Amino acid sequence: MLYLQLKTEAIAAQKAGDARLLGALRLLLSELSYAKVETKTEDLPDEVVIRVLSKEAKKRKDSIEIYEKVGEKVRADQEKYELAMIEKYLPTLMAEADVEAEVAKIAAETGLTGGRLMGAVMGKLRGKADGGMINKIVLEKYS
């Protein structure tokens, strides 16, 4: 389980004295503890962990963009480090060509366009593809 792996790696980072990694892992474990309260379970299922990690990765990407715009290189570098660490635990996302093919397939099967197609695609590809990429493809080709 991914949650247990994160806890184990946090302990290993603490023993190794890797403060930077430990800090990043503690931030993630904190967010996951909120998810534990919401789901009312002791062990988090991997799909919940992946959802939380994806949300955290998106936060880091947004922060990197903002910090680079204002010239905060040190903070941007820390966010990049945390993003790289988070992405180690996330499954590999589909390539853009694969997403385009899947969107075309769903559009042909359902006959939907625009927002309704977006909902159908997001429901099927959640966690497998980047939401921003799906949004872009649907808006460009099926609106």
Protein backbone atom coordinates (compact mmCIF):
# COMPACT_ATOMS: atom_id res chain seq x y z
CA MET A 1 0.00 0.00 0.00
CA LEU A 2 1.16 3.44 -0.96
CA TYR A 3 0.26 5.03 2.38
CA LEU A 4 2.40 2.56 4.31
CA GLN A 5 5.24 3.07 1.83
CA LEU A 6 5.17 6.82 2.48
CA LYS A 7 5.21 6.28 6.25
CA THR A 8 8.11 3.83 5.95
CA GLU A 9 10.11 6.23 3.79
CA ALA A 10 9.48 9.06 6.26
CA ILE A 11 10.93 6.93 9.04
CA ALA A 12 13.92 6.03 6.86
CA ALA A 13 14.48 9.72 5.99
CA GLN A 14 14.36 10.60 9.67
CA LYS A 15 16.91 7.92 10.54
CA ALA A 16 19.14 9.04 7.67
CA GLY A 17 18.93 12.67 8.78
CA ASP A 18 17.53 13.83 5.39
CA ALA A 19 15.61 16.88 6.64
CA ARG A 20 14.51 18.05 3.19
CA LEU A 21 12.95 14.72 2.24
CA LEU A 22 11.48 14.26 5.70
CA GLY A 23 9.83 17.68 5.57
CA ALA A 24 8.25 16.95 2.20
CA LEU A 25 7.04 13.52 3.32
CA ARG A 26 5.59 14.99 6.51
CA LEU A 27 3.60 17.50 4.47
CA LEU A 28 2.15 14.67 2.41
CA LEU A 29 1.44 12.51 5.44
CA SER A 30 -0.35 15.46 7.03
CA GLU A 31 -2.62 15.83 4.01
CA LEU A 32 -3.21 12.07 4.01
CA SER A 33 -4.18 12.18 7.68
CA TYR A 34 -6.97 14.61 6.75
CA ALA A 35 -8.10 12.11 4.11
CA LYS A 36 -8.08 9.37 6.77
CA VAL A 37 -10.46 11.43 8.89
CA GLU A 38 -12.74 12.04 5.90
CA THR A 39 -12.83 8.38 4.85
CA LYS A 40 -12.99 7.12 8.45
CA THR A 41 -10.57 4.29 7.70
CA GLU A 42 -7.30 3.29 9.34
CA ASP A 43 -5.50 2.35 6.12
CA LEU A 44 -6.06 4.53 3.11
CA PRO A 45 -6.78 2.79 -0.19
CA ASP A 46 -4.31 3.58 -2.96
CA GLU A 47 -6.92 5.44 -5.04
CA VAL A 48 -7.47 7.91 -2.17
CA VAL A 49 -3.71 8.34 -1.71
CA ILE A 50 -3.27 8.94 -5.45
CA ARG A 51 -6.09 11.50 -5.44
CA VAL A 52 -4.45 13.41 -2.56
CA LEU A 53 -0.99 13.18 -4.14
CA SER A 54 -2.37 14.43 -7.47
CA LYS A 55 -3.95 17.40 -5.71
CA GLU A 56 -0.66 18.15 -3.95
CA ALA A 57 1.27 17.86 -7.24
CA LYS A 58 -1.10 20.38 -8.83
CA LYS A 59 -0.52 22.77 -5.92
CA ARG A 60 3.23 22.47 -6.45
CA LYS A 61 2.95 23.13 -10.19
CA ASP A 62 0.87 26.24 -9.56
CA SER A 63 3.33 27.44 -6.90
CA ILE A 64 6.32 26.89 -9.18
CA GLU A 65 4.68 29.02 -11.85
CA ILE A 66 3.93 31.82 -9.39
CA TYR A 67 7.37 31.76 -7.75
CA GLU A 68 9.11 31.85 -11.12
CA LYS A 69 7.01 34.83 -12.21
CA VAL A 70 8.03 36.83 -9.14
CA GLY A 71 11.67 35.69 -9.21
CA GLU A 72 11.68 33.56 -6.05
CA LYS A 73 14.17 30.97 -7.31
CA VAL A 74 14.82 29.33 -3.91
CA ARG A 75 11.13 28.74 -3.25
CA ALA A 76 10.56 27.55 -6.81
CA ASP A 77 13.42 25.07 -6.43
CA GLN A 78 11.91 23.71 -3.19
CA GLU A 79 8.53 23.29 -4.89
CA LYS A 80 10.22 21.52 -7.83
CA TYR A 81 11.95 19.17 -5.39
CA GLU A 82 8.66 18.37 -3.66
CA LEU A 83 6.89 17.90 -7.01
CA ALA A 84 9.56 15.44 -8.20
CA MET A 85 9.25 13.55 -4.92
CA ILE A 86 5.43 13.39 -5.21
CA GLU A 87 5.58 12.26 -8.84
CA LYS A 88 7.62 9.21 -7.79
CA TYR A 89 4.50 7.87 -6.10
CA LEU A 90 1.99 8.76 -8.80
CA PRO A 91 1.18 6.39 -11.66
CA THR A 92 2.41 7.39 -15.09
CA LEU A 93 -0.20 9.49 -16.88
CA MET A 94 -1.40 8.82 -20.40
CA ALA A 95 0.33 10.54 -23.30
CA GLU A 96 -1.56 13.28 -25.16
CA ALA A 97 -2.07 11.11 -28.26
CA ASP A 98 -3.61 8.35 -26.13
CA VAL A 99 -5.90 10.86 -24.41
CA GLU A 100 -7.00 12.25 -27.78
CA ALA A 101 -7.82 8.74 -28.99
CA GLU A 102 -9.78 7.97 -25.82
CA VAL A 103 -11.72 11.25 -26.03
CA ALA A 104 -12.56 10.54 -29.68
CA LYS A 105 -13.72 7.03 -28.77
CA ILE A 106 -15.93 8.27 -25.93
CA ALA A 107 -17.35 11.06 -28.12
CA ALA A 108 -18.18 8.58 -30.88
CA GLU A 109 -19.79 6.10 -28.46
CA THR A 110 -21.89 8.63 -26.56
CA GLY A 111 -22.49 11.41 -29.11
CA LEU A 112 -21.76 13.97 -26.39
CA THR A 113 -19.99 17.30 -26.86
CA GLY A 114 -18.78 20.15 -24.66
CA GLY A 115 -19.31 19.93 -20.92
CA ARG A 116 -21.18 16.65 -20.98
CA LEU A 117 -18.36 14.99 -22.92
CA MET A 118 -15.90 16.51 -20.45
CA GLY A 119 -17.78 14.88 -17.56
CA ALA A 120 -17.87 11.49 -19.27
CA VAL A 121 -14.17 11.60 -20.15
CA MET A 122 -13.12 12.81 -16.69
CA GLY A 123 -15.14 10.03 -15.09
CA LYS A 124 -13.42 7.41 -17.20
CA LEU A 125 -9.86 8.81 -17.18
CA ARG A 126 -9.68 10.17 -13.62
CA GLY A 127 -6.22 9.47 -12.26
CA LYS A 128 -5.03 8.14 -15.61
CA ALA A 129 -4.65 11.42 -17.50
CA ASP A 130 -3.99 15.07 -16.70
CA GLY A 131 -7.26 16.97 -16.28
CA GLY A 132 -5.86 20.08 -17.93
CA MET A 133 -4.91 18.09 -21.02
CA ILE A 134 -8.38 16.52 -21.20
CA ASN A 135 -9.96 19.96 -20.85
CA LYS A 136 -7.80 21.38 -23.64
CA ILE A 137 -8.58 18.50 -26.03
CA VAL A 138 -12.33 18.58 -25.41
CA LEU A 139 -12.54 22.38 -25.76
CA GLU A 140 -10.45 22.47 -28.94
CA LYS A 141 -12.11 19.60 -30.78
CA TYR A 142 -15.54 18.89 -29.30
CA SER A 143 -17.14 22.19 -28.22
